[in-house]
Amino acid sequence: MANKYCPICGEENECMTGAGEHGNCWCDIEKFPNEIFELVPGESRRKHCICKNCLNKYTDSTKN
C-alpha cells in the first residue's frame, strides 16, 4: 500500500505489505470484520490500510 496512514485515525498504519524479503505484514494474519470497512471513507477503501490499534479498538467494542 502506498499510503502509510490509517484512514480511520490518521496515525501510521505500520503496513509492511510488499516490503522486505517476504513482503508480509501484521495484517496478513489478522481477521478484519467486514463492518470495520464501513468506517473507512469511500475514497480510501482498498487503498489505505487500517492500523492495528483501530482494528483492536473496533473488535474490543463489538465484544460487549
N, C-alpha and C. Protein backbone atom coordinates (compact mmCIF):
# COMPACT_ATOMS: atom_id res chain seq x y z
N MET A 1 0.84 -1.19 0.00
CA MET A 1 0.00 0.00 0.00
C MET A 1 0.88 1.24 0.00
N ALA A 2 0.50 2.17 -0.79
CA ALA A 2 1.29 3.39 -0.93
C ALA A 2 1.10 4.32 0.26
N ASN A 3 -0.09 4.37 0.82
CA ASN A 3 -0.37 5.29 1.90
C ASN A 3 -0.05 4.64 3.23
N LYS A 4 0.73 5.30 4.05
CA LYS A 4 1.16 4.71 5.31
C LYS A 4 0.34 5.19 6.51
N TYR A 5 -0.79 5.82 6.24
CA TYR A 5 -1.63 6.32 7.33
C TYR A 5 -2.99 5.63 7.34
N CYS A 6 -3.45 5.34 8.54
CA CYS A 6 -4.75 4.70 8.73
C CYS A 6 -5.86 5.66 8.32
N PRO A 7 -6.81 5.19 7.51
CA PRO A 7 -7.90 6.06 7.07
C PRO A 7 -8.94 6.35 8.15
N ILE A 8 -8.83 5.65 9.29
CA ILE A 8 -9.78 5.87 10.38
C ILE A 8 -9.25 6.90 11.37
N CYS A 9 -8.00 6.70 11.84
CA CYS A 9 -7.46 7.60 12.88
C CYS A 9 -6.40 8.56 12.36
N GLY A 10 -5.82 8.28 11.20
CA GLY A 10 -4.81 9.17 10.64
C GLY A 10 -3.40 8.89 11.11
N GLU A 11 -3.23 7.95 12.04
CA GLU A 11 -1.90 7.59 12.52
C GLU A 11 -1.23 6.64 11.53
N GLU A 12 0.09 6.43 11.67
CA GLU A 12 0.79 5.50 10.79
C GLU A 12 0.23 4.10 10.99
N ASN A 13 0.00 3.40 9.89
CA ASN A 13 -0.61 2.07 9.98
C ASN A 13 0.41 0.94 10.09
N GLU A 14 1.69 1.25 9.93
CA GLU A 14 2.77 0.28 10.02
C GLU A 14 2.59 -0.89 9.07
N CYS A 15 2.01 -0.61 7.93
CA CYS A 15 1.81 -1.64 6.92
C CYS A 15 3.14 -2.00 6.29
N MET A 16 3.41 -3.29 6.19
CA MET A 16 4.66 -3.77 5.60
C MET A 16 4.39 -4.66 4.39
N THR A 17 3.17 -4.67 3.88
CA THR A 17 2.85 -5.49 2.72
C THR A 17 3.72 -5.07 1.55
N GLY A 18 4.38 -6.03 0.97
CA GLY A 18 5.24 -5.78 -0.18
C GLY A 18 6.64 -5.32 0.20
N ALA A 19 6.89 -5.08 1.47
CA ALA A 19 8.21 -4.63 1.90
C ALA A 19 9.03 -5.82 2.41
N GLY A 20 10.30 -5.71 2.33
CA GLY A 20 11.17 -6.74 2.87
C GLY A 20 11.22 -8.00 2.03
N GLU A 21 11.91 -8.97 2.55
CA GLU A 21 12.16 -10.22 1.82
C GLU A 21 10.90 -11.02 1.56
N HIS A 22 10.02 -11.10 2.54
CA HIS A 22 8.82 -11.92 2.41
C HIS A 22 7.58 -11.14 2.01
N GLY A 23 7.62 -9.83 2.15
CA GLY A 23 6.50 -8.99 1.75
C GLY A 23 5.27 -9.16 2.61
N ASN A 24 5.44 -9.70 3.82
CA ASN A 24 4.30 -9.94 4.70
C ASN A 24 4.12 -8.78 5.68
N CYS A 25 2.93 -8.69 6.21
CA CYS A 25 2.59 -7.65 7.17
C CYS A 25 1.83 -8.26 8.34
N TRP A 26 1.74 -7.52 9.44
CA TRP A 26 0.98 -7.99 10.60
C TRP A 26 -0.46 -8.28 10.21
N CYS A 27 -0.98 -7.54 9.23
CA CYS A 27 -2.39 -7.68 8.86
C CYS A 27 -2.68 -8.97 8.09
N ASP A 28 -1.64 -9.62 7.59
CA ASP A 28 -1.84 -10.87 6.85
C ASP A 28 -2.41 -11.98 7.73
N ILE A 29 -2.18 -11.89 9.04
CA ILE A 29 -2.65 -12.95 9.94
C ILE A 29 -3.85 -12.51 10.77
N GLU A 30 -4.31 -11.28 10.56
CA GLU A 30 -5.45 -10.75 11.31
C GLU A 30 -6.76 -10.98 10.56
N LYS A 31 -7.85 -11.01 11.31
CA LYS A 31 -9.18 -11.09 10.72
C LYS A 31 -9.84 -9.73 10.88
N PHE A 32 -10.22 -9.13 9.76
CA PHE A 32 -10.89 -7.83 9.76
C PHE A 32 -12.38 -8.05 9.55
N PRO A 33 -13.22 -7.68 10.54
CA PRO A 33 -14.66 -7.79 10.33
C PRO A 33 -15.09 -6.89 9.18
N ASN A 34 -15.97 -7.36 8.34
CA ASN A 34 -16.42 -6.57 7.19
C ASN A 34 -16.97 -5.21 7.61
N GLU A 35 -17.59 -5.13 8.77
CA GLU A 35 -18.21 -3.89 9.23
C GLU A 35 -17.19 -2.78 9.49
N ILE A 36 -15.95 -3.13 9.80
CA ILE A 36 -14.94 -2.09 10.08
C ILE A 36 -14.67 -1.24 8.83
N PHE A 37 -14.85 -1.84 7.66
CA PHE A 37 -14.59 -1.10 6.43
C PHE A 37 -15.63 -0.01 6.18
N GLU A 38 -16.76 -0.08 6.88
CA GLU A 38 -17.76 0.98 6.78
C GLU A 38 -17.27 2.27 7.43
N LEU A 39 -16.24 2.16 8.29
CA LEU A 39 -15.65 3.34 8.94
C LEU A 39 -14.65 4.05 8.05
N VAL A 40 -14.26 3.41 6.97
CA VAL A 40 -13.27 3.96 6.05
C VAL A 40 -13.97 4.81 4.99
N PRO A 41 -13.52 6.05 4.80
CA PRO A 41 -14.12 6.88 3.74
C PRO A 41 -14.03 6.18 2.39
N GLY A 42 -15.05 6.34 1.57
CA GLY A 42 -15.13 5.66 0.28
C GLY A 42 -13.89 5.82 -0.58
N GLU A 43 -13.30 7.02 -0.59
CA GLU A 43 -12.13 7.25 -1.44
C GLU A 43 -10.88 6.53 -0.94
N SER A 44 -10.91 6.02 0.29
CA SER A 44 -9.75 5.33 0.86
C SER A 44 -9.90 3.81 0.86
N ARG A 45 -11.10 3.31 0.59
CA ARG A 45 -11.32 1.86 0.63
C ARG A 45 -10.45 1.15 -0.40
N ARG A 46 -9.81 0.09 0.06
CA ARG A 46 -8.91 -0.74 -0.75
C ARG A 46 -7.67 0.03 -1.22
N LYS A 47 -7.41 1.17 -0.60
CA LYS A 47 -6.24 1.96 -0.95
C LYS A 47 -5.35 2.22 0.26
N HIS A 48 -5.96 2.31 1.46
CA HIS A 48 -5.22 2.62 2.68
C HIS A 48 -5.50 1.54 3.73
N CYS A 49 -4.46 1.11 4.40
CA CYS A 49 -4.60 0.04 5.42
C CYS A 49 -5.05 0.61 6.76
N ILE A 50 -5.91 -0.12 7.41
CA ILE A 50 -6.36 0.20 8.76
C ILE A 50 -5.26 -0.23 9.73
N CYS A 51 -4.98 0.59 10.74
CA CYS A 51 -3.91 0.25 11.69
C CYS A 51 -4.40 -0.78 12.72
N LYS A 52 -3.43 -1.41 13.36
CA LYS A 52 -3.74 -2.44 14.34
C LYS A 52 -4.50 -1.86 15.54
N ASN A 53 -4.18 -0.65 15.93
CA ASN A 53 -4.86 -0.02 17.06
C ASN A 53 -6.35 0.15 16.77
N CYS A 54 -6.69 0.63 15.57
CA CYS A 54 -8.10 0.79 15.22
C CYS A 54 -8.80 -0.57 15.11
N LEU A 55 -8.11 -1.55 14.57
CA LEU A 55 -8.68 -2.90 14.50
C LEU A 55 -8.97 -3.42 15.90
N ASN A 56 -8.02 -3.27 16.82
CA ASN A 56 -8.22 -3.74 18.18
C ASN A 56 -9.34 -3.00 18.89
N LYS A 57 -9.39 -1.68 18.72
CA LYS A 57 -10.47 -0.89 19.34
C LYS A 57 -11.83 -1.34 18.82
N TYR A 58 -11.91 -1.57 17.52
CA TYR A 58 -13.18 -1.97 16.92
C TYR A 58 -13.60 -3.35 17.43
N THR A 59 -12.69 -4.30 17.41
CA THR A 59 -13.06 -5.66 17.85
C THR A 59 -13.38 -5.69 19.35
N ASP A 60 -12.68 -4.88 20.15
CA ASP A 60 -12.98 -4.81 21.58
C ASP A 60 -14.36 -4.21 21.80
N SER A 61 -14.73 -3.21 21.01
CA SER A 61 -16.03 -2.55 21.19
C SER A 61 -17.19 -3.44 20.77
N THR A 62 -16.96 -4.38 19.89
CA THR A 62 -18.04 -5.25 19.43
C THR A 62 -18.20 -6.50 20.29
N LYS A 63 -17.30 -6.71 21.21
CA LYS A 63 -17.39 -7.88 22.10
C LYS A 63 -18.44 -7.70 23.17
N ASN A 64 -18.77 -6.44 23.49
CA ASN A 64 -19.72 -6.18 24.58
C ASN A 64 -21.14 -6.18 24.11
